[in-house]
Amino acid sequence: MKKIILLLFLIILFAGCGLYNPQPNLPSYISSIAVPIFINQTDKLNIEQYVTQKTIEEFLSDGKVSILDEVKADAVVKCTIYKYILTPILFDVNQIPMQYRLRIYVSLIFFDNKNQVQLWEEKGIWEETTYYVANNLGMQVEDEVIARNRVLDQIAKRIVLRVVYGR
């Protein structure tokens, strides 16, 4: 009897685990989005080009909205990259950095083009990574560009989750 109860409990517990499919949290009339080039307020050149393209690719990969230009789109995602912080966090015996933390901050505005109203704004979105520049600890060595692209990829995914699913 205990085995049957345990079996039923496990079936109920795991029944929905593999079937979760997040539903879009967009107004029903928004089926297309424009993603203009992000504004870059940091001293790092061209990162706005990279993250804009990655964000468009993430929207296309998600498939819930199409990408159009600003005039034709139902909504516009406006993003500003406003802070880029690179901090050494681990040093060798000579005080030479071996590991860095990179954190990038963006603000996001979602604008309803049909009704000409801002739907929401979110400030303080950030992603970070750490990376080693020296192989003294047996860790993979990376440079700042690889780490930066990893953080910008995470930001692009986060923007799509926020815009489409409200998370």
N, C-alpha and C. Protein backbone atom coordinates (compact mmCIF):
# COMPACT_ATOMS: atom_id res chain seq x y z
N MET A 1 0.82 -1.19 0.00
CA MET A 1 0.00 0.00 0.00
C MET A 1 0.86 1.25 0.00
N LYS A 2 1.95 1.23 0.82
CA LYS A 2 2.84 2.39 0.87
C LYS A 2 3.51 2.62 -0.48
N LYS A 3 3.82 1.53 -1.19
CA LYS A 3 4.45 1.66 -2.50
C LYS A 3 3.50 2.31 -3.50
N ILE A 4 2.24 1.97 -3.44
CA ILE A 4 1.25 2.55 -4.35
C ILE A 4 1.09 4.04 -4.07
N ILE A 5 1.02 4.40 -2.81
CA ILE A 5 0.89 5.82 -2.44
C ILE A 5 2.13 6.59 -2.88
N LEU A 6 3.30 6.00 -2.66
CA LEU A 6 4.54 6.64 -3.09
C LEU A 6 4.57 6.78 -4.60
N LEU A 7 4.16 5.76 -5.32
CA LEU A 7 4.13 5.81 -6.77
C LEU A 7 3.17 6.89 -7.26
N LEU A 8 1.98 6.96 -6.69
CA LEU A 8 1.01 7.99 -7.06
C LEU A 8 1.57 9.39 -6.76
N PHE A 9 2.21 9.54 -5.63
CA PHE A 9 2.81 10.82 -5.27
C PHE A 9 3.86 11.24 -6.29
N LEU A 10 4.72 10.30 -6.67
CA LEU A 10 5.77 10.61 -7.64
C LEU A 10 5.19 10.94 -9.02
N ILE A 11 4.15 10.25 -9.41
CA ILE A 11 3.50 10.53 -10.70
C ILE A 11 2.91 11.94 -10.69
N ILE A 12 2.23 12.30 -9.62
CA ILE A 12 1.65 13.64 -9.50
C ILE A 12 2.75 14.69 -9.45
N LEU A 13 3.79 14.40 -8.71
CA LEU A 13 4.89 15.35 -8.56
C LEU A 13 5.57 15.66 -9.89
N PHE A 14 5.83 14.63 -10.68
CA PHE A 14 6.59 14.80 -11.92
C PHE A 14 5.71 14.95 -13.16
N ALA A 15 4.42 14.92 -13.02
CA ALA A 15 3.53 14.95 -14.18
C ALA A 15 3.70 16.21 -15.01
N GLY A 16 3.88 17.35 -14.38
CA GLY A 16 3.96 18.59 -15.14
C GLY A 16 5.36 19.10 -15.38
N CYS A 17 6.36 18.41 -14.90
CA CYS A 17 7.73 18.94 -14.99
C CYS A 17 8.21 19.17 -16.41
N GLY A 18 8.00 18.26 -17.29
CA GLY A 18 8.51 18.39 -18.64
C GLY A 18 7.57 19.11 -19.58
N LEU A 19 6.43 19.52 -19.12
CA LEU A 19 5.43 20.10 -20.00
C LEU A 19 5.29 21.60 -19.86
N TYR A 20 6.05 22.23 -19.00
CA TYR A 20 5.90 23.66 -18.79
C TYR A 20 6.34 24.43 -20.02
N ASN A 21 5.47 25.25 -20.52
CA ASN A 21 5.76 26.09 -21.67
C ASN A 21 5.33 27.51 -21.31
N PRO A 22 6.29 28.40 -21.04
CA PRO A 22 5.92 29.74 -20.61
C PRO A 22 5.09 30.46 -21.68
N GLN A 23 4.09 31.18 -21.23
CA GLN A 23 3.21 31.90 -22.12
C GLN A 23 3.64 33.36 -22.21
N PRO A 24 3.53 33.94 -23.39
CA PRO A 24 3.89 35.35 -23.53
C PRO A 24 3.06 36.24 -22.62
N ASN A 25 3.68 37.29 -22.15
CA ASN A 25 3.03 38.25 -21.27
C ASN A 25 2.84 39.58 -21.99
N LEU A 26 2.72 39.54 -23.30
CA LEU A 26 2.56 40.73 -24.11
C LEU A 26 1.08 41.04 -24.32
N PRO A 27 0.75 42.31 -24.50
CA PRO A 27 -0.63 42.62 -24.93
C PRO A 27 -0.93 41.88 -26.24
N SER A 28 -2.15 41.45 -26.42
CA SER A 28 -2.51 40.61 -27.56
C SER A 28 -2.28 41.27 -28.91
N TYR A 29 -2.30 42.59 -28.96
CA TYR A 29 -2.13 43.29 -30.24
C TYR A 29 -0.66 43.48 -30.63
N ILE A 30 0.27 43.07 -29.76
CA ILE A 30 1.70 43.22 -30.08
C ILE A 30 2.22 41.90 -30.64
N SER A 31 2.48 41.91 -31.94
CA SER A 31 3.03 40.72 -32.59
C SER A 31 4.36 41.03 -33.28
N SER A 32 4.73 42.30 -33.30
CA SER A 32 6.01 42.68 -33.89
C SER A 32 6.70 43.71 -33.01
N ILE A 33 8.03 43.65 -33.04
CA ILE A 33 8.83 44.53 -32.18
C ILE A 33 9.98 45.08 -33.01
N ALA A 34 10.32 46.34 -32.74
CA ALA A 34 11.52 46.95 -33.32
C ALA A 34 12.60 46.99 -32.25
N VAL A 35 13.82 46.75 -32.67
CA VAL A 35 14.95 46.82 -31.75
C VAL A 35 15.99 47.76 -32.37
N PRO A 36 15.85 49.06 -32.11
CA PRO A 36 16.86 49.99 -32.64
C PRO A 36 18.21 49.79 -31.95
N ILE A 37 19.25 50.31 -32.56
CA ILE A 37 20.60 50.19 -31.99
C ILE A 37 20.58 50.74 -30.57
N PHE A 38 21.11 49.97 -29.63
CA PHE A 38 21.15 50.38 -28.23
C PHE A 38 22.02 51.62 -28.08
N ILE A 39 21.72 52.40 -27.08
CA ILE A 39 22.52 53.57 -26.75
C ILE A 39 23.66 53.11 -25.83
N ASN A 40 24.87 53.50 -26.16
CA ASN A 40 26.03 53.11 -25.38
C ASN A 40 26.60 54.33 -24.66
N GLN A 41 26.45 54.36 -23.34
CA GLN A 41 26.98 55.47 -22.55
C GLN A 41 28.29 55.11 -21.85
N THR A 42 28.88 53.99 -22.25
CA THR A 42 30.16 53.57 -21.66
C THR A 42 31.30 53.98 -22.59
N ASP A 43 32.51 53.75 -22.16
CA ASP A 43 33.67 54.06 -22.99
C ASP A 43 34.11 52.87 -23.84
N LYS A 44 33.34 51.80 -23.84
CA LYS A 44 33.66 50.60 -24.62
C LYS A 44 33.00 50.71 -26.00
N LEU A 45 33.82 50.81 -27.01
CA LEU A 45 33.32 51.05 -28.36
C LEU A 45 32.62 49.83 -28.96
N ASN A 46 31.53 50.08 -29.63
CA ASN A 46 30.80 49.11 -30.46
C ASN A 46 30.11 47.98 -29.70
N ILE A 47 30.07 48.03 -28.38
CA ILE A 47 29.34 46.96 -27.69
C ILE A 47 27.84 47.05 -27.97
N GLU A 48 27.36 48.25 -28.29
CA GLU A 48 25.94 48.42 -28.60
C GLU A 48 25.57 47.66 -29.87
N GLN A 49 26.47 47.62 -30.84
CA GLN A 49 26.22 46.88 -32.09
C GLN A 49 26.06 45.38 -31.79
N TYR A 50 26.97 44.86 -31.00
CA TYR A 50 26.97 43.43 -30.69
C TYR A 50 25.69 43.04 -29.93
N VAL A 51 25.37 43.76 -28.86
CA VAL A 51 24.22 43.36 -28.04
C VAL A 51 22.89 43.61 -28.75
N THR A 52 22.82 44.62 -29.60
CA THR A 52 21.60 44.84 -30.40
C THR A 52 21.37 43.64 -31.31
N GLN A 53 22.40 43.22 -32.02
CA GLN A 53 22.28 42.07 -32.93
C GLN A 53 21.93 40.81 -32.16
N LYS A 54 22.56 40.58 -31.02
CA LYS A 54 22.26 39.40 -30.21
C LYS A 54 20.81 39.42 -29.72
N THR A 55 20.33 40.59 -29.34
CA THR A 55 18.94 40.71 -28.86
C THR A 55 17.96 40.39 -29.99
N ILE A 56 18.22 40.90 -31.18
CA ILE A 56 17.37 40.58 -32.34
C ILE A 56 17.39 39.08 -32.60
N GLU A 57 18.56 38.47 -32.56
CA GLU A 57 18.67 37.03 -32.76
C GLU A 57 17.88 36.25 -31.70
N GLU A 58 17.91 36.71 -30.46
CA GLU A 58 17.17 36.05 -29.38
C GLU A 58 15.65 36.16 -29.61
N PHE A 59 15.18 37.34 -30.03
CA PHE A 59 13.75 37.49 -30.34
C PHE A 59 13.35 36.56 -31.48
N LEU A 60 14.17 36.49 -32.52
CA LEU A 60 13.87 35.61 -33.64
C LEU A 60 13.88 34.15 -33.24
N SER A 61 14.85 33.78 -32.41
CA SER A 61 14.95 32.41 -31.93
C SER A 61 13.74 32.02 -31.07
N ASP A 62 13.28 32.96 -30.25
CA ASP A 62 12.13 32.71 -29.39
C ASP A 62 10.86 32.51 -30.23
N GLY A 63 10.71 33.28 -31.30
CA GLY A 63 9.62 33.09 -32.24
C GLY A 63 8.26 33.64 -31.83
N LYS A 64 8.16 34.31 -30.71
CA LYS A 64 6.85 34.82 -30.26
C LYS A 64 6.48 36.14 -30.94
N VAL A 65 7.46 36.89 -31.40
CA VAL A 65 7.21 38.15 -32.11
C VAL A 65 8.11 38.21 -33.34
N SER A 66 7.69 38.99 -34.31
CA SER A 66 8.54 39.23 -35.47
C SER A 66 9.28 40.55 -35.26
N ILE A 67 10.34 40.74 -36.02
CA ILE A 67 11.15 41.96 -35.92
C ILE A 67 10.88 42.81 -37.16
N LEU A 68 10.48 44.05 -36.90
CA LEU A 68 10.23 45.01 -37.99
C LEU A 68 10.96 46.31 -37.66
N ASP A 69 10.92 47.25 -38.61
CA ASP A 69 11.53 48.55 -38.32
C ASP A 69 10.59 49.35 -37.41
N GLU A 70 11.11 50.45 -36.87
CA GLU A 70 10.37 51.22 -35.86
C GLU A 70 9.03 51.76 -36.36
N VAL A 71 8.94 52.09 -37.62
CA VAL A 71 7.70 52.67 -38.17
C VAL A 71 6.59 51.62 -38.24
N LYS A 72 6.93 50.39 -38.59
CA LYS A 72 5.92 49.35 -38.82
C LYS A 72 5.64 48.48 -37.59
N ALA A 73 6.54 48.45 -36.63
CA ALA A 73 6.41 47.53 -35.48
C ALA A 73 5.31 47.98 -34.53
N ASP A 74 4.71 47.00 -33.84
CA ASP A 74 3.69 47.27 -32.83
C ASP A 74 4.30 47.87 -31.57
N ALA A 75 5.55 47.52 -31.29
CA ALA A 75 6.22 48.00 -30.08
C ALA A 75 7.71 48.18 -30.37
N VAL A 76 8.36 48.94 -29.49
CA VAL A 76 9.79 49.21 -29.64
C VAL A 76 10.48 48.92 -28.31
N VAL A 77 11.61 48.21 -28.40
CA VAL A 77 12.46 47.95 -27.24
C VAL A 77 13.62 48.93 -27.32
N LYS A 78 13.69 49.83 -26.35
CA LYS A 78 14.77 50.82 -26.31
C LYS A 78 15.67 50.49 -25.13
N CYS A 79 16.95 50.36 -25.41
CA CYS A 79 17.88 49.94 -24.38
C CYS A 79 19.08 50.87 -24.34
N THR A 80 19.55 51.15 -23.12
CA THR A 80 20.74 51.96 -22.91
C THR A 80 21.73 51.17 -22.07
N ILE A 81 22.95 51.05 -22.56
CA ILE A 81 24.03 50.43 -21.79
C ILE A 81 24.68 51.59 -21.04
N TYR A 82 24.57 51.60 -19.72
CA TYR A 82 25.03 52.79 -19.00
C TYR A 82 26.17 52.55 -18.01
N LYS A 83 26.52 51.31 -17.77
CA LYS A 83 27.63 51.08 -16.85
C LYS A 83 28.37 49.80 -17.23
N TYR A 84 29.69 49.89 -17.20
CA TYR A 84 30.58 48.77 -17.53
C TYR A 84 31.64 48.74 -16.45
N ILE A 85 31.58 47.71 -15.60
CA ILE A 85 32.50 47.65 -14.47
C ILE A 85 33.38 46.41 -14.58
N LEU A 86 34.67 46.65 -14.69
CA LEU A 86 35.65 45.57 -14.74
C LEU A 86 36.50 45.67 -13.47
N THR A 87 36.44 44.62 -12.64
CA THR A 87 37.09 44.65 -11.34
C THR A 87 38.03 43.45 -11.18
N PRO A 88 39.29 43.69 -10.87
CA PRO A 88 40.16 42.55 -10.55
C PRO A 88 39.75 41.98 -9.19
N ILE A 89 39.65 40.66 -9.12
CA ILE A 89 39.18 40.05 -7.86
C ILE A 89 40.14 39.00 -7.28
N LEU A 90 41.14 38.61 -8.05
CA LEU A 90 42.12 37.65 -7.55
C LEU A 90 43.49 38.05 -8.08
N PHE A 91 44.47 38.06 -7.16
CA PHE A 91 45.82 38.52 -7.52
C PHE A 91 46.84 37.42 -7.21
N ASP A 92 47.95 37.46 -7.94
CA ASP A 92 49.04 36.54 -7.61
C ASP A 92 49.90 37.16 -6.51
N VAL A 93 50.99 36.53 -6.17
CA VAL A 93 51.83 37.01 -5.06
C VAL A 93 52.46 38.36 -5.35
N ASN A 94 52.54 38.74 -6.64
CA ASN A 94 53.10 40.03 -7.02
C ASN A 94 52.02 41.10 -7.22
N GLN A 95 50.80 40.79 -6.79
CA GLN A 95 49.65 41.70 -6.92
C GLN A 95 49.27 41.99 -8.37
N ILE A 96 49.52 41.04 -9.24
CA ILE A 96 49.10 41.13 -10.63
C ILE A 96 47.76 40.39 -10.74
N PRO A 97 46.76 41.03 -11.33
CA PRO A 97 45.44 40.39 -11.42
C PRO A 97 45.48 39.07 -12.20
N MET A 98 44.81 38.08 -11.63
CA MET A 98 44.67 36.77 -12.27
C MET A 98 43.23 36.50 -12.69
N GLN A 99 42.29 37.16 -12.00
CA GLN A 99 40.88 36.95 -12.30
C GLN A 99 40.16 38.29 -12.20
N TYR A 100 39.19 38.48 -13.10
CA TYR A 100 38.38 39.70 -13.14
C TYR A 100 36.90 39.35 -13.06
N ARG A 101 36.13 40.31 -12.58
CA ARG A 101 34.67 40.25 -12.65
C ARG A 101 34.24 41.37 -13.59
N LEU A 102 33.39 41.03 -14.54
CA LEU A 102 32.84 42.02 -15.46
C LEU A 102 31.34 42.08 -15.26
N ARG A 103 30.84 43.27 -15.00
CA ARG A 103 29.40 43.48 -14.84
C ARG A 103 28.97 44.63 -15.76
N ILE A 104 27.90 44.41 -16.50
CA ILE A 104 27.36 45.41 -17.42
C ILE A 104 25.91 45.68 -17.05
N TYR A 105 25.58 46.99 -16.97
CA TYR A 105 24.24 47.44 -16.61
C TYR A 105 23.53 48.04 -17.82
N VAL A 106 22.23 47.76 -17.92
CA VAL A 106 21.41 48.37 -18.98
C VAL A 106 20.09 48.83 -18.38
N SER A 107 19.48 49.79 -19.06
CA SER A 107 18.10 50.16 -18.75
C SER A 107 17.27 49.86 -19.99
N LEU A 108 16.01 49.59 -19.76
CA LEU A 108 15.15 49.09 -20.82
C LEU A 108 13.81 49.82 -20.79
N ILE A 109 13.36 50.26 -21.96
CA ILE A 109 12.04 50.88 -22.11
C ILE A 109 11.28 50.08 -23.15
N PHE A 110 10.03 49.74 -22.82
CA PHE A 110 9.17 49.05 -23.77
C PHE A 110 8.06 50.02 -24.16
N PHE A 111 8.05 50.38 -25.44
CA PHE A 111 7.17 51.44 -25.94
C PHE A 111 6.14 50.85 -26.89
N ASP A 112 4.87 51.15 -26.61
CA ASP A 112 3.75 50.71 -27.45
C ASP A 112 3.63 51.69 -28.61
N ASN A 113 3.98 51.24 -29.80
CA ASN A 113 3.96 52.10 -30.99
C ASN A 113 2.54 52.40 -31.46
N LYS A 114 1.64 51.46 -31.28
CA LYS A 114 0.25 51.64 -31.76
C LYS A 114 -0.46 52.73 -30.97
N ASN A 115 -0.29 52.70 -29.65
CA ASN A 115 -0.97 53.68 -28.80
C ASN A 115 -0.08 54.84 -28.39
N GLN A 116 1.17 54.81 -28.84
CA GLN A 116 2.14 55.87 -28.55
C GLN A 116 2.26 56.14 -27.05
N VAL A 117 2.51 55.05 -26.31
CA VAL A 117 2.65 55.16 -24.86
C VAL A 117 3.74 54.20 -24.39
N GLN A 118 4.47 54.63 -23.38
CA GLN A 118 5.47 53.75 -22.78
C GLN A 118 4.74 52.75 -21.88
N LEU A 119 4.95 51.46 -22.13
CA LEU A 119 4.29 50.42 -21.33
C LEU A 119 5.01 50.21 -20.00
N TRP A 120 6.33 50.19 -20.03
CA TRP A 120 7.09 50.06 -18.80
C TRP A 120 8.54 50.43 -19.04
N GLU A 121 9.23 50.64 -17.93
CA GLU A 121 10.66 50.92 -17.96
C GLU A 121 11.31 50.15 -16.82
N GLU A 122 12.46 49.58 -17.10
CA GLU A 122 13.18 48.88 -16.05
C GLU A 122 14.64 49.33 -16.08
N LYS A 123 15.07 49.85 -14.95
CA LYS A 123 16.45 50.30 -14.81
C LYS A 123 17.20 49.28 -13.96
N GLY A 124 18.49 49.25 -14.12
CA GLY A 124 19.30 48.41 -13.25
C GLY A 124 19.33 46.95 -13.63
N ILE A 125 19.08 46.63 -14.88
CA ILE A 125 19.26 45.24 -15.33
C ILE A 125 20.76 45.03 -15.51
N TRP A 126 21.27 43.96 -14.95
CA TRP A 126 22.70 43.70 -15.09
C TRP A 126 22.97 42.21 -15.16
N GLU A 127 24.09 41.92 -15.79
CA GLU A 127 24.61 40.55 -15.85
C GLU A 127 26.10 40.65 -15.61
N GLU A 128 26.68 39.55 -15.13
CA GLU A 128 28.11 39.55 -14.86
C GLU A 128 28.71 38.18 -15.12
N THR A 129 30.03 38.18 -15.22
CA THR A 129 30.79 36.95 -15.34
C THR A 129 32.15 37.19 -14.70
N THR A 130 32.84 36.11 -14.44
CA THR A 130 34.23 36.20 -13.99
C THR A 130 35.08 35.43 -15.00
N TYR A 131 36.32 35.86 -15.10
CA TYR A 131 37.23 35.17 -16.01
C TYR A 131 38.66 35.30 -15.54
N TYR A 132 39.44 34.29 -15.89
CA TYR A 132 40.86 34.25 -15.53
C TYR A 132 41.70 34.76 -16.70
N VAL A 133 42.74 35.53 -16.38
CA VAL A 133 43.67 36.01 -17.40
C VAL A 133 45.03 35.32 -17.27
N ALA A 134 45.19 34.53 -16.22
CA ALA A 134 46.43 33.77 -16.01
C ALA A 134 46.05 32.33 -15.67
N ASN A 135 46.85 31.39 -16.10
CA ASN A 135 46.54 29.97 -15.96
C ASN A 135 47.26 29.33 -14.77
N ASN A 136 47.57 30.08 -13.75
CA ASN A 136 48.28 29.51 -12.60
C ASN A 136 47.43 28.53 -11.80
N LEU A 137 46.14 28.60 -11.91
CA LEU A 137 45.25 27.73 -11.13
C LEU A 137 44.64 26.61 -11.97
N GLY A 138 45.09 26.47 -13.21
CA GLY A 138 44.55 25.43 -14.06
C GLY A 138 43.21 25.78 -14.67
N MET A 139 42.78 27.03 -14.55
CA MET A 139 41.50 27.46 -15.12
C MET A 139 41.71 27.93 -16.56
N GLN A 140 40.65 27.89 -17.34
CA GLN A 140 40.72 28.35 -18.72
C GLN A 140 40.99 29.85 -18.75
N VAL A 141 41.93 30.25 -19.57
CA VAL A 141 42.28 31.66 -19.71
C VAL A 141 41.41 32.29 -20.78
N GLU A 142 40.88 33.47 -20.49
CA GLU A 142 40.06 34.22 -21.44
C GLU A 142 40.52 35.67 -21.44
N ASP A 143 40.07 36.38 -22.44
CA ASP A 143 40.35 37.81 -22.44
C ASP A 143 39.04 38.57 -22.21
N GLU A 144 39.17 39.88 -22.10
CA GLU A 144 38.01 40.71 -21.78
C GLU A 144 36.93 40.64 -22.86
N VAL A 145 37.32 40.52 -24.12
CA VAL A 145 36.33 40.48 -25.20
C VAL A 145 35.46 39.24 -25.10
N ILE A 146 36.04 38.10 -24.82
CA ILE A 146 35.26 36.86 -24.66
C ILE A 146 34.29 37.00 -23.49
N ALA A 147 34.79 37.51 -22.38
CA ALA A 147 33.93 37.70 -21.20
C ALA A 147 32.82 38.72 -21.50
N ARG A 148 33.17 39.80 -22.17
CA ARG A 148 32.18 40.84 -22.51
C ARG A 148 31.07 40.26 -23.38
N ASN A 149 31.45 39.49 -24.39
CA ASN A 149 30.44 38.90 -25.27
C ASN A 149 29.54 37.93 -24.51
N ARG A 150 30.11 37.21 -23.56
CA ARG A 150 29.30 36.30 -22.75
C ARG A 150 28.27 37.08 -21.93
N VAL A 151 28.69 38.19 -21.34
CA VAL A 151 27.77 39.02 -20.55
C VAL A 151 26.71 39.64 -21.46
N LEU A 152 27.11 40.12 -22.61
CA LEU A 152 26.15 40.73 -23.54
C LEU A 152 25.16 39.69 -24.06
N ASP A 153 25.60 38.46 -24.27
CA ASP A 153 24.68 37.38 -24.66
C ASP A 153 23.65 37.15 -23.56
N GLN A 154 24.09 37.16 -22.30
CA GLN A 154 23.17 36.98 -21.17
C GLN A 154 22.18 38.13 -21.10
N ILE A 155 22.64 39.33 -21.35
CA ILE A 155 21.76 40.50 -21.34
C ILE A 155 20.71 40.38 -22.43
N ALA A 156 21.11 39.96 -23.62
CA ALA A 156 20.16 39.80 -24.73
C ALA A 156 19.06 38.80 -24.36
N LYS A 157 19.46 37.68 -23.76
CA LYS A 157 18.46 36.68 -23.34
C LYS A 157 17.54 37.25 -22.27
N ARG A 158 18.11 37.99 -21.36
CA ARG A 158 17.32 38.58 -20.27
C ARG A 158 16.31 39.60 -20.79
N ILE A 159 16.70 40.37 -21.80
CA ILE A 159 15.80 41.36 -22.39
C ILE A 159 14.60 40.65 -23.01
N VAL A 160 14.85 39.59 -23.76
CA VAL A 160 13.74 38.85 -24.39
C VAL A 160 12.83 38.26 -23.32
N LEU A 161 13.38 37.68 -22.27
CA LEU A 161 12.55 37.13 -21.19
C LEU A 161 11.70 38.22 -20.55
N ARG A 162 12.28 39.39 -20.34
CA ARG A 162 11.54 40.50 -19.71
C ARG A 162 10.43 41.01 -20.62
N VAL A 163 10.76 41.22 -21.90
CA VAL A 163 9.78 41.79 -22.84
C VAL A 163 8.66 40.81 -23.14
N VAL A 164 9.00 39.59 -23.48
CA VAL A 164 8.00 38.63 -23.95
C VAL A 164 7.26 37.95 -22.81
N TYR A 165 7.98 37.59 -21.74
CA TYR A 165 7.37 36.78 -20.69
C TYR A 165 7.21 37.52 -19.37
N GLY A 166 7.66 38.76 -19.30
CA GLY A 166 7.50 39.54 -18.07
C GLY A 166 8.39 39.09 -16.94
N ARG A 167 9.47 38.35 -17.21
CA ARG A 167 10.36 37.89 -16.14
C ARG A 167 11.68 38.60 -16.18
